[in-house]
Amino acid sequence: MEQLLNTIAEDVARRILAWLDKRAFNPAQVPALLNVDEAAIYLGRSEYSVRHLMSERAFPVVKVGNRVQIHRADLDKWIEQNKY
């Protein structure tokens, strides 16, 4: 049983690391406008959390058609305002 649990844990860890690698930002390639998923990764938060912040108007959003994007500078400003 313990061997099975260790195998499962290793598999889950490998999958999580692979998932994170696909979403890692290269700082030189970070665009000015981020979608919700990218903003969540940038902030180290969940998509739900970013959507909640958007609904509270914690930072402005750019809406083009059906797409909602967030300017990276606005996220940086929000970070600075919430430091203590």
PDB file of N, CA and C in Angstrom:
ATOM      1  N   MET A   1       0.822  -1.196   0.000  1.00  0.00           N
ATOM      2  CA  MET A   1       0.000   0.000   0.000  1.00  0.00           C
ATOM      3  C   MET A   1       0.869   1.265   0.000  1.00  0.00           C
ATOM      4  N   GLU A   2       1.910   1.261   0.827  1.00  0.00           N
ATOM      5  CA  GLU A   2       2.787   2.424   0.916  1.00  0.00           C
ATOM      6  C   GLU A   2       3.500   2.666  -0.418  1.00  0.00           C
ATOM      7  N   GLN A   3       3.901   1.591  -1.075  1.00  0.00           N
ATOM      8  CA  GLN A   3       4.557   1.713  -2.392  1.00  0.00           C
ATOM      9  C   GLN A   3       3.613   2.364  -3.395  1.00  0.00           C
ATOM     10  N   LEU A   4       2.339   1.971  -3.380  1.00  0.00           N
ATOM     11  CA  LEU A   4       1.343   2.533  -4.290  1.00  0.00           C
ATOM     12  C   LEU A   4       1.160   4.023  -4.024  1.00  0.00           C
ATOM     13  N   LEU A   5       1.060   4.404  -2.752  1.00  0.00           N
ATOM     14  CA  LEU A   5       0.904   5.819  -2.401  1.00  0.00           C
ATOM     15  C   LEU A   5       2.118   6.638  -2.829  1.00  0.00           C
ATOM     16  N   ASN A   6       3.312   6.095  -2.660  1.00  0.00           N
ATOM     17  CA  ASN A   6       4.516   6.806  -3.094  1.00  0.00           C
ATOM     18  C   ASN A   6       4.535   6.987  -4.607  1.00  0.00           C
ATOM     19  N   THR A   7       4.126   5.958  -5.333  1.00  0.00           N
ATOM     20  CA  THR A   7       4.071   6.038  -6.793  1.00  0.00           C
ATOM     21  C   THR A   7       3.073   7.098  -7.244  1.00  0.00           C
ATOM     22  N   ILE A   8       1.915   7.129  -6.617  1.00  0.00           N
ATOM     23  CA  ILE A   8       0.894   8.130  -6.945  1.00  0.00           C
ATOM     24  C   ILE A   8       1.409   9.529  -6.625  1.00  0.00           C
ATOM     25  N   ALA A   9       2.032   9.700  -5.465  1.00  0.00           N
ATOM     26  CA  ALA A   9       2.558  11.009  -5.066  1.00  0.00           C
ATOM     27  C   ALA A   9       3.616  11.493  -6.047  1.00  0.00           C
ATOM     28  N   GLU A  10       4.489  10.612  -6.479  1.00  0.00           N
ATOM     29  CA  GLU A  10       5.523  10.984  -7.444  1.00  0.00           C
ATOM     30  C   GLU A  10       4.898  11.381  -8.776  1.00  0.00           C
ATOM     31  N   ASP A  11       3.876  10.651  -9.200  1.00  0.00           N
ATOM     32  CA  ASP A  11       3.196  10.967 -10.456  1.00  0.00           C
ATOM     33  C   ASP A  11       2.509  12.328 -10.378  1.00  0.00           C
ATOM     34  N   VAL A  12       1.834  12.587  -9.281  1.00  0.00           N
ATOM     35  CA  VAL A  12       1.152  13.880  -9.104  1.00  0.00           C
ATOM     36  C   VAL A  12       2.174  15.012  -9.095  1.00  0.00           C
ATOM     37  N   ALA A  13       3.271  14.836  -8.382  1.00  0.00           N
ATOM     38  CA  ALA A  13       4.313  15.867  -8.333  1.00  0.00           C
ATOM     39  C   ALA A  13       4.890  16.117  -9.723  1.00  0.00           C
ATOM     40  N   ARG A  14       5.132  15.065 -10.497  1.00  0.00           N
ATOM     41  CA  ARG A  14       5.665  15.210 -11.844  1.00  0.00           C
ATOM     42  C   ARG A  14       4.698  15.977 -12.733  1.00  0.00           C
ATOM     43  N   ARG A  15       3.400  15.671 -12.608  1.00  0.00           N
ATOM     44  CA  ARG A  15       2.392  16.362 -13.419  1.00  0.00           C
ATOM     45  C   ARG A  15       2.274  17.835 -13.037  1.00  0.00           C
ATOM     46  N   ILE A  16       2.340  18.131 -11.758  1.00  0.00           N
ATOM     47  CA  ILE A  16       2.262  19.525 -11.310  1.00  0.00           C
ATOM     48  C   ILE A  16       3.457  20.316 -11.830  1.00  0.00           C
ATOM     49  N   LEU A  17       4.646  19.740 -11.732  1.00  0.00           N
ATOM     50  CA  LEU A  17       5.840  20.430 -12.223  1.00  0.00           C
ATOM     51  C   LEU A  17       5.773  20.657 -13.729  1.00  0.00           C
ATOM     52  N   ALA A  18       5.273  19.679 -14.467  1.00  0.00           N
ATOM     53  CA  ALA A  18       5.119  19.840 -15.919  1.00  0.00           C
ATOM     54  C   ALA A  18       4.113  20.947 -16.228  1.00  0.00           C
ATOM     55  N   TRP A  19       3.017  20.999 -15.468  1.00  0.00           N
ATOM     56  CA  TRP A  19       1.995  22.034 -15.650  1.00  0.00           C
ATOM     57  C   TRP A  19       2.588  23.415 -15.383  1.00  0.00           C
ATOM     58  N   LEU A  20       3.370  23.524 -14.318  1.00  0.00           N
ATOM     59  CA  LEU A  20       3.985  24.807 -13.976  1.00  0.00           C
ATOM     60  C   LEU A  20       5.009  25.232 -15.031  1.00  0.00           C
ATOM     61  N   ASP A  21       5.777  24.289 -15.549  1.00  0.00           N
ATOM     62  CA  ASP A  21       6.762  24.611 -16.577  1.00  0.00           C
ATOM     63  C   ASP A  21       6.104  25.209 -17.807  1.00  0.00           C
ATOM     64  N   LYS A  22       4.935  24.696 -18.186  1.00  0.00           N
ATOM     65  CA  LYS A  22       4.239  25.214 -19.361  1.00  0.00           C
ATOM     66  C   LYS A  22       3.751  26.633 -19.142  1.00  0.00           C
ATOM     67  N   ARG A  23       3.538  27.022 -17.901  1.00  0.00           N
ATOM     68  CA  ARG A  23       2.968  28.323 -17.604  1.00  0.00           C
ATOM     69  C   ARG A  23       3.989  29.331 -17.092  1.00  0.00           C
ATOM     70  N   ALA A  24       5.230  28.925 -17.013  1.00  0.00           N
ATOM     71  CA  ALA A  24       6.272  29.811 -16.486  1.00  0.00           C
ATOM     72  C   ALA A  24       6.508  30.974 -17.451  1.00  0.00           C
ATOM     73  N   PHE A  25       6.689  32.148 -16.879  1.00  0.00           N
ATOM     74  CA  PHE A  25       6.957  33.341 -17.668  1.00  0.00           C
ATOM     75  C   PHE A  25       8.455  33.508 -17.846  1.00  0.00           C
ATOM     76  N   ASN A  26       8.850  33.880 -19.027  1.00  0.00           N
ATOM     77  CA  ASN A  26      10.194  34.365 -19.263  1.00  0.00           C
ATOM     78  C   ASN A  26      10.071  35.877 -19.106  1.00  0.00           C
ATOM     79  N   PRO A  27      10.717  36.474 -18.108  1.00  0.00           N
ATOM     80  CA  PRO A  27      10.533  37.909 -17.854  1.00  0.00           C
ATOM     81  C   PRO A  27      10.737  38.789 -19.079  1.00  0.00           C
ATOM     82  N   ALA A  28      11.605  38.371 -19.986  1.00  0.00           N
ATOM     83  CA  ALA A  28      11.851  39.169 -21.181  1.00  0.00           C
ATOM     84  C   ALA A  28      10.685  39.100 -22.161  1.00  0.00           C
ATOM     85  N   GLN A  29       9.781  38.130 -21.980  1.00  0.00           N
ATOM     86  CA  GLN A  29       8.693  37.936 -22.914  1.00  0.00           C
ATOM     87  C   GLN A  29       7.317  38.229 -22.318  1.00  0.00           C
ATOM     88  N   VAL A  30       7.255  38.845 -21.160  1.00  0.00           N
ATOM     89  CA  VAL A  30       5.967  39.145 -20.538  1.00  0.00           C
ATOM     90  C   VAL A  30       5.311  40.284 -21.311  1.00  0.00           C
ATOM     91  N   PRO A  31       4.130  40.046 -21.881  1.00  0.00           N
ATOM     92  CA  PRO A  31       3.456  41.102 -22.638  1.00  0.00           C
ATOM     93  C   PRO A  31       2.891  42.181 -21.711  1.00  0.00           C
ATOM     94  N   ALA A  32       2.569  43.321 -22.280  1.00  0.00           N
ATOM     95  CA  ALA A  32       2.003  44.422 -21.491  1.00  0.00           C
ATOM     96  C   ALA A  32       0.595  44.095 -21.022  1.00  0.00           C
ATOM     97  N   LEU A  33      -0.207  43.441 -21.877  1.00  0.00           N
ATOM     98  CA  LEU A  33      -1.572  43.063 -21.512  1.00  0.00           C
ATOM     99  C   LEU A  33      -1.630  41.566 -21.240  1.00  0.00           C
ATOM    100  N   LEU A  34      -2.191  41.222 -20.084  1.00  0.00           N
ATOM    101  CA  LEU A  34      -2.289  39.826 -19.672  1.00  0.00           C
ATOM    102  C   LEU A  34      -3.749  39.404 -19.600  1.00  0.00           C
ATOM    103  N   ASN A  35      -4.031  38.160 -19.985  1.00  0.00           N
ATOM    104  CA  ASN A  35      -5.381  37.647 -19.761  1.00  0.00           C
ATOM    105  C   ASN A  35      -5.480  37.202 -18.300  1.00  0.00           C
ATOM    106  N   VAL A  36      -6.631  36.729 -17.897  1.00  0.00           N
ATOM    107  CA  VAL A  36      -6.848  36.394 -16.481  1.00  0.00           C
ATOM    108  C   VAL A  36      -5.896  35.296 -16.027  1.00  0.00           C
ATOM    109  N   ASP A  37      -5.712  34.269 -16.850  1.00  0.00           N
ATOM    110  CA  ASP A  37      -4.818  33.166 -16.500  1.00  0.00           C
ATOM    111  C   ASP A  37      -3.385  33.662 -16.329  1.00  0.00           C
ATOM    112  N   GLU A  38      -2.927  34.486 -17.259  1.00  0.00           N
ATOM    113  CA  GLU A  38      -1.572  35.027 -17.183  1.00  0.00           C
ATOM    114  C   GLU A  38      -1.412  35.960 -15.981  1.00  0.00           C
ATOM    115  N   ALA A  39      -2.436  36.758 -15.705  1.00  0.00           N
ATOM    116  CA  ALA A  39      -2.390  37.655 -14.546  1.00  0.00           C
ATOM    117  C   ALA A  39      -2.324  36.847 -13.247  1.00  0.00           C
ATOM    118  N   ALA A  40      -3.050  35.746 -13.208  1.00  0.00           N
ATOM    119  CA  ALA A  40      -3.026  34.889 -12.015  1.00  0.00           C
ATOM    120  C   ALA A  40      -1.626  34.321 -11.793  1.00  0.00           C
ATOM    121  N   ILE A  41      -0.990  33.880 -12.863  1.00  0.00           N
ATOM    122  CA  ILE A  41       0.372  33.362 -12.747  1.00  0.00           C
ATOM    123  C   ILE A  41       1.321  34.480 -12.335  1.00  0.00           C
ATOM    124  N   TYR A  42       1.164  35.640 -12.937  1.00  0.00           N
ATOM    125  CA  TYR A  42       2.012  36.803 -12.634  1.00  0.00           C
ATOM    126  C   TYR A  42       1.920  37.163 -11.153  1.00  0.00           C
ATOM    127  N   LEU A  43       0.704  37.115 -10.607  1.00  0.00           N
ATOM    128  CA  LEU A  43       0.494  37.473  -9.201  1.00  0.00           C
ATOM    129  C   LEU A  43       0.713  36.305  -8.244  1.00  0.00           C
ATOM    130  N   GLY A  44       0.781  35.097  -8.784  1.00  0.00           N
ATOM    131  CA  GLY A  44       0.907  33.927  -7.919  1.00  0.00           C
ATOM    132  C   GLY A  44      -0.387  33.613  -7.198  1.00  0.00           C
ATOM    133  N   ARG A  45      -1.514  33.891  -7.861  1.00  0.00           N
ATOM    134  CA  ARG A  45      -2.835  33.663  -7.278  1.00  0.00           C
ATOM    135  C   ARG A  45      -3.656  32.811  -8.226  1.00  0.00           C
ATOM    136  N   SER A  46      -4.839  32.443  -7.815  1.00  0.00           N
ATOM    137  CA  SER A  46      -5.715  31.639  -8.672  1.00  0.00           C
ATOM    138  C   SER A  46      -6.477  32.546  -9.638  1.00  0.00           C
ATOM    139  N   GLU A  47      -6.992  31.941 -10.699  1.00  0.00           N
ATOM    140  CA  GLU A  47      -7.826  32.697 -11.639  1.00  0.00           C
ATOM    141  C   GLU A  47      -9.048  33.246 -10.914  1.00  0.00           C
ATOM    142  N   TYR A  48      -9.622  32.441 -10.039  1.00  0.00           N
ATOM    143  CA  TYR A  48     -10.801  32.875  -9.273  1.00  0.00           C
ATOM    144  C   TYR A  48     -10.461  34.129  -8.470  1.00  0.00           C
ATOM    145  N   SER A  49      -9.297  34.131  -7.851  1.00  0.00           N
ATOM    146  CA  SER A  49      -8.885  35.278  -7.047  1.00  0.00           C
ATOM    147  C   SER A  49      -8.743  36.536  -7.903  1.00  0.00           C
ATOM    148  N   VAL A  50      -8.169  36.385  -9.092  1.00  0.00           N
ATOM    149  CA  VAL A  50      -8.010  37.537  -9.990  1.00  0.00           C
ATOM    150  C   VAL A  50      -9.372  38.036 -10.441  1.00  0.00           C
ATOM    151  N   ARG A  51     -10.274  37.117 -10.773  1.00  0.00           N
ATOM    152  CA  ARG A  51     -11.629  37.528 -11.174  1.00  0.00           C
ATOM    153  C   ARG A  51     -12.342  38.242 -10.025  1.00  0.00           C
ATOM    154  N   HIS A  52     -12.112  37.778  -8.806  1.00  0.00           N
ATOM    155  CA  HIS A  52     -12.704  38.434  -7.638  1.00  0.00           C
ATOM    156  C   HIS A  52     -12.146  39.855  -7.497  1.00  0.00           C
ATOM    157  N   LEU A  53     -10.847  40.005  -7.652  1.00  0.00           N
ATOM    158  CA  LEU A  53     -10.235  41.343  -7.585  1.00  0.00           C
ATOM    159  C   LEU A  53     -10.786  42.242  -8.682  1.00  0.00           C
ATOM    160  N   MET A  54     -10.998  41.671  -9.876  1.00  0.00           N
ATOM    161  CA  MET A  54     -11.563  42.451 -10.977  1.00  0.00           C
ATOM    162  C   MET A  54     -12.976  42.914 -10.628  1.00  0.00           C
ATOM    163  N   SER A  55     -13.765  42.039 -10.026  1.00  0.00           N
ATOM    164  CA  SER A  55     -15.146  42.402  -9.685  1.00  0.00           C
ATOM    165  C   SER A  55     -15.186  43.486  -8.607  1.00  0.00           C
ATOM    166  N   GLU A  56     -14.159  43.516  -7.762  1.00  0.00           N
ATOM    167  CA  GLU A  56     -14.057  44.560  -6.737  1.00  0.00           C
ATOM    168  C   GLU A  56     -13.394  45.827  -7.270  1.00  0.00           C
ATOM    169  N   ARG A  57     -13.038  45.810  -8.561  1.00  0.00           N
ATOM    170  CA  ARG A  57     -12.368  46.923  -9.219  1.00  0.00           C
ATOM    171  C   ARG A  57     -11.070  47.310  -8.506  1.00  0.00           C
ATOM    172  N   ALA A  58     -10.322  46.276  -8.114  1.00  0.00           N
ATOM    173  CA  ALA A  58      -9.031  46.496  -7.455  1.00  0.00           C
ATOM    174  C   ALA A  58      -8.029  47.111  -8.415  1.00  0.00           C
ATOM    175  N   PHE A  59      -8.200  46.837  -9.696  1.00  0.00           N
ATOM    176  CA  PHE A  59      -7.360  47.424 -10.731  1.00  0.00           C
ATOM    177  C   PHE A  59      -8.197  47.524 -11.999  1.00  0.00           C
ATOM    178  N   PRO A  60      -7.844  48.459 -12.869  1.00  0.00           N
ATOM    179  CA  PRO A  60      -8.620  48.613 -14.110  1.00  0.00           C
ATOM    180  C   PRO A  60      -8.358  47.448 -15.061  1.00  0.00           C
ATOM    181  N   VAL A  61      -9.315  47.198 -15.937  1.00  0.00           N
ATOM    182  CA  VAL A  61      -9.160  46.172 -16.962  1.00  0.00           C
ATOM    183  C   VAL A  61      -9.348  46.795 -18.337  1.00  0.00           C
ATOM    184  N   VAL A  62      -8.800  46.149 -19.333  1.00  0.00           N
ATOM    185  CA  VAL A  62      -8.946  46.567 -20.717  1.00  0.00           C
ATOM    186  C   VAL A  62      -9.878  45.562 -21.367  1.00  0.00           C
ATOM    187  N   LYS A  63     -10.990  46.038 -21.896  1.00  0.00           N
ATOM    188  CA  LYS A  63     -11.945  45.137 -22.517  1.00  0.00           C
ATOM    189  C   LYS A  63     -11.980  45.411 -24.018  1.00  0.00           C
ATOM    190  N   VAL A  64     -11.673  44.383 -24.784  1.00  0.00           N
ATOM    191  CA  VAL A  64     -11.707  44.467 -26.240  1.00  0.00           C
ATOM    192  C   VAL A  64     -12.612  43.343 -26.713  1.00  0.00           C
ATOM    193  N   GLY A  65     -13.807  43.709 -27.165  1.00  0.00           N
ATOM    194  CA  GLY A  65     -14.779  42.680 -27.537  1.00  0.00           C
ATOM    195  C   GLY A  65     -15.150  41.860 -26.318  1.00  0.00           C
ATOM    196  N   ASN A  66     -15.003  40.548 -26.426  1.00  0.00           N
ATOM    197  CA  ASN A  66     -15.298  39.651 -25.302  1.00  0.00           C
ATOM    198  C   ASN A  66     -14.084  39.391 -24.420  1.00  0.00           C
ATOM    199  N   ARG A  67     -12.948  39.907 -24.828  1.00  0.00           N
ATOM    200  CA  ARG A  67     -11.718  39.656 -24.078  1.00  0.00           C
ATOM    201  C   ARG A  67     -11.505  40.705 -22.998  1.00  0.00           C
ATOM    202  N   VAL A  68     -11.109  40.232 -21.839  1.00  0.00           N
ATOM    203  CA  VAL A  68     -10.759  41.124 -20.733  1.00  0.00           C
ATOM    204  C   VAL A  68      -9.284  40.906 -20.453  1.00  0.00           C
ATOM    205  N   GLN A  69      -8.527  41.986 -20.475  1.00  0.00           N
ATOM    206  CA  GLN A  69      -7.106  41.909 -20.202  1.00  0.00           C
ATOM    207  C   GLN A  69      -6.721  42.934 -19.152  1.00  0.00           C
ATOM    208  N   ILE A  70      -5.599  42.687 -18.524  1.00  0.00           N
ATOM    209  CA  ILE A  70      -5.133  43.542 -17.442  1.00  0.00           C
ATOM    210  C   ILE A  70      -3.734  44.012 -17.798  1.00  0.00           C
ATOM    211  N   HIS A  71      -3.523  45.305 -17.693  1.00  0.00           N
ATOM    212  CA  HIS A  71      -2.208  45.865 -17.997  1.00  0.00           C
ATOM    213  C   HIS A  71      -1.252  45.496 -16.870  1.00  0.00           C
ATOM    214  N   ARG A  72      -0.098  44.990 -17.236  1.00  0.00           N
ATOM    215  CA  ARG A  72       0.888  44.545 -16.247  1.00  0.00           C
ATOM    216  C   ARG A  72       1.269  45.675 -15.294  1.00  0.00           C
ATOM    217  N   ALA A  73       1.358  46.896 -15.786  1.00  0.00           N
ATOM    218  CA  ALA A  73       1.715  48.033 -14.930  1.00  0.00           C
ATOM    219  C   ALA A  73       0.658  48.248 -13.842  1.00  0.00           C
ATOM    220  N   ASP A  74      -0.620  47.986 -14.174  1.00  0.00           N
ATOM    221  CA  ASP A  74      -1.683  48.113 -13.167  1.00  0.00           C
ATOM    222  C   ASP A  74      -1.551  47.042 -12.091  1.00  0.00           C
ATOM    223  N   LEU A  75      -1.109  45.855 -12.483  1.00  0.00           N
ATOM    224  CA  LEU A  75      -0.875  44.800 -11.485  1.00  0.00           C
ATOM    225  C   LEU A  75       0.292  45.177 -10.584  1.00  0.00           C
ATOM    226  N   ASP A  76       1.347  45.728 -11.191  1.00  0.00           N
ATOM    227  CA  ASP A  76       2.498  46.169 -10.390  1.00  0.00           C
ATOM    228  C   ASP A  76       2.095  47.270  -9.413  1.00  0.00           C
ATOM    229  N   LYS A  77       1.257  48.190  -9.869  1.00  0.00           N
ATOM    230  CA  LYS A  77       0.770  49.271  -9.005  1.00  0.00           C
ATOM    231  C   LYS A  77      -0.063  48.699  -7.856  1.00  0.00           C
ATOM    232  N   TRP A  78      -0.929  47.723  -8.160  1.00  0.00           N
ATOM    233  CA  TRP A  78      -1.753  47.089  -7.127  1.00  0.00           C
ATOM    234  C   TRP A  78      -0.872  46.399  -6.089  1.00  0.00           C
ATOM    235  N   ILE A  79       0.183  45.747  -6.566  1.00  0.00           N
ATOM    236  CA  ILE A  79       1.114  45.079  -5.646  1.00  0.00           C
ATOM    237  C   ILE A  79       1.734  46.104  -4.705  1.00  0.00           C
ATOM    238  N   GLU A  80       2.221  47.209  -5.258  1.00  0.00           N
ATOM    239  CA  GLU A  80       2.857  48.246  -4.440  1.00  0.00           C
ATOM    240  C   GLU A  80       1.887  48.843  -3.415  1.00  0.00           C
ATOM    241  N   GLN A  81       0.628  49.045  -3.840  1.00  0.00           N
ATOM    242  CA  GLN A  81      -0.369  49.637  -2.942  1.00  0.00           C
ATOM    243  C   GLN A  81      -0.757  48.696  -1.809  1.00  0.00           C
ATOM    244  N   ASN A  82      -0.539  47.418  -1.986  1.00  0.00           N
ATOM    245  CA  ASN A  82      -0.965  46.441  -0.981  1.00  0.00           C
ATOM    246  C   ASN A  82       0.194  45.904  -0.147  1.00  0.00           C
ATOM    247  N   LYS A  83       1.335  46.503  -0.275  1.00  0.00           N
ATOM    248  CA  LYS A  83       2.464  46.136   0.595  1.00  0.00           C
ATOM    249  C   LYS A  83       2.276  46.811   1.949  1.00  0.00           C
ATOM    250  N   TYR A  84       2.725  46.136   2.963  1.00  0.00           N
ATOM    251  CA  TYR A  84       2.730  46.768   4.297  1.00  0.00           C
ATOM    252  C   TYR A  84       3.918  46.313   5.081  1.00  0.00           C
TER     253      TYR A  84
END
